PDB file of all heavy atoms in Angstrom:
ATOM      1  N   SER A   1     108.162  89.024  85.349  1.00  0.00           N
ATOM      2  CA  SER A   1     108.292  88.094  84.218  1.00  0.00           C
ATOM      3  C   SER A   1     107.828  88.780  82.933  1.00  0.00           C
ATOM      4  O   SER A   1     108.118  88.298  81.840  1.00  0.00           O
ATOM      5  CB  SER A   1     107.487  86.825  84.457  1.00  0.00           C
ATOM      6  OG  SER A   1     106.104  87.102  84.548  1.00  0.00           O
ATOM      7  N   GLY A   2     107.085  89.857  83.073  1.00  0.00           N
ATOM      8  CA  GLY A   2     106.632  90.597  81.886  1.00  0.00           C
ATOM      9  C   GLY A   2     107.734  91.402  81.245  1.00  0.00           C
ATOM     10  O   GLY A   2     107.594  91.818  80.071  1.00  0.00           O
ATOM     11  N   VAL A   3     108.810  91.675  81.968  1.00  0.00           N
ATOM     12  CA  VAL A   3     109.913  92.499  81.463  1.00  0.00           C
ATOM     13  C   VAL A   3     111.245  91.836  81.536  1.00  0.00           C
ATOM     14  O   VAL A   3     112.218  92.296  80.881  1.00  0.00           O
ATOM     15  CB  VAL A   3     109.993  93.850  82.214  1.00  0.00           C
ATOM     16  CG1 VAL A   3     108.750  94.697  81.983  1.00  0.00           C
ATOM     17  CG2 VAL A   3     110.185  93.620  83.711  1.00  0.00           C
ATOM     18  N   LEU A   4     111.380  90.707  82.247  1.00  0.00           N
ATOM     19  CA  LEU A   4     112.650  90.028  82.373  1.00  0.00           C
ATOM     20  C   LEU A   4     112.622  88.679  81.741  1.00  0.00           C
ATOM     21  O   LEU A   4     111.611  87.955  81.787  1.00  0.00           O
ATOM     22  CB  LEU A   4     113.035  89.885  83.865  1.00  0.00           C
ATOM     23  CG  LEU A   4     113.190  91.147  84.705  1.00  0.00           C
ATOM     24  CD1 LEU A   4     113.412  90.816  86.173  1.00  0.00           C
ATOM     25  CD2 LEU A   4     114.347  92.032  84.152  1.00  0.00           C
ATOM     26  N   ASN A   5     113.770  88.326  81.124  1.00  0.00           N
ATOM     27  CA  ASN A   5     113.884  87.006  80.506  1.00  0.00           C
ATOM     28  C   ASN A   5     114.708  86.054  81.342  1.00  0.00           C
ATOM     29  O   ASN A   5     114.956  84.891  80.954  1.00  0.00           O
ATOM     30  CB  ASN A   5     114.510  87.134  79.108  1.00  0.00           C
ATOM     31  CG  ASN A   5     113.571  87.844  78.152  1.00  0.00           C
ATOM     32  OD1 ASN A   5     112.361  87.639  78.174  1.00  0.00           O
ATOM     33  ND2 ASN A   5     114.155  88.712  77.308  1.00  0.00           N
ATOM     34  N   THR A   6     115.243  86.561  82.466  1.00  0.00           N
ATOM     35  CA  THR A   6     116.059  85.714  83.317  1.00  0.00           C
ATOM     36  C   THR A   6     115.329  85.450  84.663  1.00  0.00           C
ATOM     37  O   THR A   6     114.715  86.353  85.215  1.00  0.00           O
ATOM     38  CB  THR A   6     117.403  86.398  83.602  1.00  0.00           C
ATOM     39  OG1 THR A   6     118.114  85.648  84.563  1.00  0.00           O
ATOM     40  CG2 THR A   6     117.215  87.829  84.100  1.00  0.00           C
ATOM     41  N   ASN A   7     115.480  84.224  85.096  1.00  0.00           N
ATOM     42  CA  ASN A   7     114.799  83.875  86.392  1.00  0.00           C
ATOM     43  C   ASN A   7     115.572  84.372  87.599  1.00  0.00           C
ATOM     44  O   ASN A   7     114.958  84.514  88.662  1.00  0.00           O
ATOM     45  CB  ASN A   7     114.713  82.335  86.477  1.00  0.00           C
ATOM     46  CG  ASN A   7     113.456  81.807  85.775  1.00  0.00           C
ATOM     47  OD1 ASN A   7     112.741  82.566  85.184  1.00  0.00           O
ATOM     48  ND2 ASN A   7     113.213  80.524  85.871  1.00  0.00           N
ATOM     49  N   HIS A   8     116.833  84.664  87.420  1.00  0.00           N
ATOM     50  CA  HIS A   8     117.671  85.030  88.606  1.00  0.00           C
ATOM     51  C   HIS A   8     117.100  86.239  89.318  1.00  0.00           C
ATOM     52  O   HIS A   8     116.902  86.213  90.529  1.00  0.00           O
ATOM     53  CB  HIS A   8     119.087  85.312  88.171  1.00  0.00           C
ATOM     54  CG  HIS A   8     120.031  85.719  89.273  1.00  0.00           C
ATOM     55  ND1 HIS A   8     120.365  84.830  90.308  1.00  0.00           N
ATOM     56  CD2 HIS A   8     120.555  86.931  89.586  1.00  0.00           C
ATOM     57  CE1 HIS A   8     121.156  85.472  91.139  1.00  0.00           C
ATOM     58  NE2 HIS A   8     121.276  86.735  90.784  1.00  0.00           N
ATOM     59  N   LEU A   9     116.837  87.320  88.607  1.00  0.00           N
ATOM     60  CA  LEU A   9     116.326  88.534  89.235  1.00  0.00           C
ATOM     61  C   LEU A   9     114.904  88.334  89.772  1.00  0.00           C
ATOM     62  O   LEU A   9     114.568  88.907  90.797  1.00  0.00           O
ATOM     63  CB  LEU A   9     116.334  89.701  88.227  1.00  0.00           C
ATOM     64  CG  LEU A   9     117.724  90.241  87.851  1.00  0.00           C
ATOM     65  CD1 LEU A   9     117.598  91.325  86.788  1.00  0.00           C
ATOM     66  CD2 LEU A   9     118.397  90.821  89.102  1.00  0.00           C
ATOM     67  N   ILE A  10     114.142  87.518  89.099  1.00  0.00           N
ATOM     68  CA  ILE A  10     112.763  87.225  89.565  1.00  0.00           C
ATOM     69  C   ILE A  10     112.853  86.501  90.904  1.00  0.00           C
ATOM     70  O   ILE A  10     112.128  86.859  91.847  1.00  0.00           O
ATOM     71  CB  ILE A  10     111.998  86.415  88.515  1.00  0.00           C
ATOM     72  CG1 ILE A  10     111.803  87.199  87.242  1.00  0.00           C
ATOM     73  CG2 ILE A  10     110.639  86.008  89.109  1.00  0.00           C
ATOM     74  CD1 ILE A  10     111.165  86.427  86.121  1.00  0.00           C
ATOM     75  N   ILE A  11     113.756  85.541  91.007  1.00  0.00           N
ATOM     76  CA  ILE A  11     113.865  84.733  92.242  1.00  0.00           C
ATOM     77  C   ILE A  11     114.403  85.612  93.385  1.00  0.00           C
ATOM     78  O   ILE A  11     113.860  85.571  94.482  1.00  0.00           O
ATOM     79  CB  ILE A  11     114.783  83.570  91.996  1.00  0.00           C
ATOM     80  CG1 ILE A  11     114.139  82.542  91.041  1.00  0.00           C
ATOM     81  CG2 ILE A  11     115.121  82.834  93.296  1.00  0.00           C
ATOM     82  CD1 ILE A  11     115.082  81.461  90.527  1.00  0.00           C
ATOM     83  N   VAL A  12     115.441  86.404  93.124  1.00  0.00           N
ATOM     84  CA  VAL A  12     116.026  87.270  94.114  1.00  0.00           C
ATOM     85  C   VAL A  12     114.960  88.269  94.599  1.00  0.00           C
ATOM     86  O   VAL A  12     114.827  88.484  95.839  1.00  0.00           O
ATOM     87  CB  VAL A  12     117.248  88.001  93.592  1.00  0.00           C
ATOM     88  CG1 VAL A  12     117.748  89.062  94.608  1.00  0.00           C
ATOM     89  CG2 VAL A  12     118.404  86.993  93.316  1.00  0.00           C
ATOM     90  N   SER A  13     114.278  88.901  93.652  1.00  0.00           N
ATOM     91  CA  SER A  13     113.263  89.894  94.050  1.00  0.00           C
ATOM     92  C   SER A  13     112.115  89.200  94.865  1.00  0.00           C
ATOM     93  O   SER A  13     111.614  89.782  95.815  1.00  0.00           O
ATOM     94  CB  SER A  13     112.681  90.548  92.805  1.00  0.00           C
ATOM     95  OG  SER A  13     113.685  91.240  92.089  1.00  0.00           O
ATOM     96  N   GLY A  14     111.737  88.033  94.405  1.00  0.00           N
ATOM     97  CA  GLY A  14     110.659  87.278  95.107  1.00  0.00           C
ATOM     98  C   GLY A  14     111.058  86.935  96.513  1.00  0.00           C
ATOM     99  O   GLY A  14     110.274  87.099  97.456  1.00  0.00           O
ATOM    100  N   LEU A  15     112.301  86.426  96.663  1.00  0.00           N
ATOM    101  CA  LEU A  15     112.791  86.119  98.035  1.00  0.00           C
ATOM    102  C   LEU A  15     112.862  87.323  98.917  1.00  0.00           C
ATOM    103  O   LEU A  15     112.523  87.267 100.099  1.00  0.00           O
ATOM    104  CB  LEU A  15     114.178  85.431  97.888  1.00  0.00           C
ATOM    105  CG  LEU A  15     114.207  84.034  97.343  1.00  0.00           C
ATOM    106  CD1 LEU A  15     115.659  83.579  97.113  1.00  0.00           C
ATOM    107  CD2 LEU A  15     113.464  83.035  98.244  1.00  0.00           C
ATOM    108  N   ALA A  16     113.334  88.436  98.359  1.00  0.00           N
ATOM    109  CA  ALA A  16     113.397  89.665  99.121  1.00  0.00           C
ATOM    110  C   ALA A  16     112.025  90.139  99.582  1.00  0.00           C
ATOM    111  O   ALA A  16     111.860  90.581 100.725  1.00  0.00           O
ATOM    112  CB  ALA A  16     114.080  90.777  98.308  1.00  0.00           C
ATOM    113  N   GLU A  17     111.028  90.007  98.695  1.00  0.00           N
ATOM    114  CA  GLU A  17     109.674  90.442  99.007  1.00  0.00           C
ATOM    115  C   GLU A  17     109.093  89.518 100.121  1.00  0.00           C
ATOM    116  O   GLU A  17     108.445  90.010 101.041  1.00  0.00           O
ATOM    117  CB  GLU A  17     108.821  90.416  97.773  1.00  0.00           C
ATOM    118  CG  GLU A  17     107.511  91.182  97.904  1.00  0.00           C
ATOM    119  CD  GLU A  17     106.494  90.454  98.829  1.00  0.00           C
ATOM    120  OE1 GLU A  17     106.419  89.206  98.759  1.00  0.00           O
ATOM    121  OE2 GLU A  17     105.794  91.177  99.571  1.00  0.00           O
ATOM    122  N   ILE A  18     109.319  88.221  99.995  1.00  0.00           N
ATOM    123  CA  ILE A  18     108.775  87.272 100.975  1.00  0.00           C
ATOM    124  C   ILE A  18     109.414  87.553 102.323  1.00  0.00           C
ATOM    125  O   ILE A  18     108.715  87.554 103.336  1.00  0.00           O
ATOM    126  CB  ILE A  18     109.058  85.825 100.518  1.00  0.00           C
ATOM    127  CG1 ILE A  18     108.215  85.510  99.287  1.00  0.00           C
ATOM    128  CG2 ILE A  18     108.725  84.876 101.655  1.00  0.00           C
ATOM    129  CD1 ILE A  18     108.541  84.139  98.676  1.00  0.00           C
ATOM    130  N   ALA A  19     110.709  87.771 102.354  1.00  0.00           N
ATOM    131  CA  ALA A  19     111.394  88.053 103.636  1.00  0.00           C
ATOM    132  C   ALA A  19     110.846  89.350 104.247  1.00  0.00           C
ATOM    133  O   ALA A  19     110.513  89.374 105.441  1.00  0.00           O
ATOM    134  CB  ALA A  19     112.912  88.220 103.408  1.00  0.00           C
ATOM    135  N   ALA A  20     110.695  90.401 103.435  1.00  0.00           N
ATOM    136  CA  ALA A  20     110.164  91.652 103.937  1.00  0.00           C
ATOM    137  C   ALA A  20     108.714  91.489 104.400  1.00  0.00           C
ATOM    138  O   ALA A  20     108.359  92.050 105.422  1.00  0.00           O
ATOM    139  CB  ALA A  20     110.254  92.719 102.845  1.00  0.00           C
ATOM    140  N   GLY A  21     107.953  90.743 103.629  1.00  0.00           N
ATOM    141  CA  GLY A  21     106.551  90.510 104.022  1.00  0.00           C
ATOM    142  C   GLY A  21     106.392  89.727 105.312  1.00  0.00           C
ATOM    143  O   GLY A  21     105.546  90.085 106.140  1.00  0.00           O
ATOM    144  N   CYS A  22     107.243  88.700 105.461  1.00  0.00           N
ATOM    145  CA  CYS A  22     107.185  87.920 106.730  1.00  0.00           C
ATOM    146  C   CYS A  22     107.491  88.794 107.924  1.00  0.00           C
ATOM    147  O   CYS A  22     106.789  88.709 108.939  1.00  0.00           O
ATOM    148  CB  CYS A  22     108.199  86.766 106.643  1.00  0.00           C
ATOM    149  SG  CYS A  22     107.718  85.392 105.591  1.00  0.00           S
ATOM    150  N   ILE A  23     108.563  89.577 107.787  1.00  0.00           N
ATOM    151  CA  ILE A  23     108.945  90.458 108.933  1.00  0.00           C
ATOM    152  C   ILE A  23     107.898  91.512 109.192  1.00  0.00           C
ATOM    153  O   ILE A  23     107.493  91.735 110.345  1.00  0.00           O
ATOM    154  CB  ILE A  23     110.326  91.099 108.608  1.00  0.00           C
ATOM    155  CG1 ILE A  23     111.412  90.059 108.556  1.00  0.00           C
ATOM    156  CG2 ILE A  23     110.659  92.157 109.710  1.00  0.00           C
ATOM    157  CD1 ILE A  23     112.733  90.557 108.057  1.00  0.00           C
ATOM    158  N   SER A  24     107.454  92.172 108.128  1.00  0.00           N
ATOM    159  CA  SER A  24     106.468  93.254 108.260  1.00  0.00           C
ATOM    160  C   SER A  24     105.166  92.769 108.880  1.00  0.00           C
ATOM    161  O   SER A  24     104.641  93.324 109.873  1.00  0.00           O
ATOM    162  CB  SER A  24     106.250  93.908 106.934  1.00  0.00           C
ATOM    163  OG  SER A  24     105.227  94.909 107.031  1.00  0.00           O
ATOM    164  N   MET A  25     104.613  91.722 108.309  1.00  0.00           N
ATOM    165  CA  MET A  25     103.299  91.245 108.747  1.00  0.00           C
ATOM    166  C   MET A  25     103.405  90.504 110.068  1.00  0.00           C
ATOM    167  O   MET A  25     102.500  90.629 110.916  1.00  0.00           O
ATOM    168  CB  MET A  25     102.697  90.328 107.687  1.00  0.00           C
ATOM    169  CG  MET A  25     102.403  91.042 106.373  1.00  0.00           C
ATOM    170  SD  MET A  25     101.265  90.150 105.343  1.00  0.00           S
ATOM    171  CE  MET A  25      99.748  90.267 106.259  1.00  0.00           C
ATOM    172  N   GLY A  26     104.526  89.807 110.311  1.00  0.00           N
ATOM    173  CA  GLY A  26     104.706  89.173 111.615  1.00  0.00           C
ATOM    174  C   GLY A  26     104.818  90.175 112.704  1.00  0.00           C
ATOM    175  O   GLY A  26     104.237  90.061 113.782  1.00  0.00           O
ATOM    176  N   LEU A  27     105.607  91.245 112.420  1.00  0.00           N
ATOM    177  CA  LEU A  27     105.727  92.322 113.421  1.00  0.00           C
ATOM    178  C   LEU A  27     104.423  93.051 113.662  1.00  0.00           C
ATOM    179  O   LEU A  27     104.073  93.378 114.808  1.00  0.00           O
ATOM    180  CB  LEU A  27     106.792  93.345 112.962  1.00  0.00           C
ATOM    181  CG  LEU A  27     107.114  94.488 113.926  1.00  0.00           C
ATOM    182  CD1 LEU A  27     107.615  93.981 115.252  1.00  0.00           C
ATOM    183  CD2 LEU A  27     108.152  95.428 113.292  1.00  0.00           C
ATOM    184  N   GLY A  28     103.680  93.240 112.562  1.00  0.00           N
ATOM    185  CA  GLY A  28     102.347  93.815 112.716  1.00  0.00           C
ATOM    186  C   GLY A  28     101.425  92.991 113.594  1.00  0.00           C
ATOM    187  O   GLY A  28     100.723  93.502 114.423  1.00  0.00           O
ATOM    188  N   GLY A  29     101.472  91.667 113.373  1.00  0.00           N
ATOM    189  CA  GLY A  29     100.703  90.761 114.226  1.00  0.00           C
ATOM    190  C   GLY A  29     101.096  90.777 115.644  1.00  0.00           C
ATOM    191  O   GLY A  29     100.259  90.731 116.542  1.00  0.00           O
ATOM    192  N   TYR A  30     102.390  90.897 115.891  1.00  0.00           N
ATOM    193  CA  TYR A  30     102.913  90.958 117.284  1.00  0.00           C
ATOM    194  C   TYR A  30     102.446  92.237 117.980  1.00  0.00           C
ATOM    195  O   TYR A  30     101.996  92.185 119.091  1.00  0.00           O
ATOM    196  CB  TYR A  30     104.436  90.860 117.289  1.00  0.00           C
ATOM    197  CG  TYR A  30     105.036  90.925 118.673  1.00  0.00           C
ATOM    198  CD1 TYR A  30     105.092  89.750 119.439  1.00  0.00           C
ATOM    199  CD2 TYR A  30     105.498  92.107 119.184  1.00  0.00           C
ATOM    200  CE1 TYR A  30     105.630  89.764 120.702  1.00  0.00           C
ATOM    201  CE2 TYR A  30     106.011  92.154 120.502  1.00  0.00           C
ATOM    202  CZ  TYR A  30     106.086  90.981 121.246  1.00  0.00           C
ATOM    203  OH  TYR A  30     106.604  91.013 122.508  1.00  0.00           O
TER     204      TYR A  30
END
């Protein structure tokens, strides 16, 4: 949000990070 004025890229990037984080940390826990 410090460099972008559009929410679209922020939302897409955020969703991608959440998906990657869920998989990575869930797999790590397993």
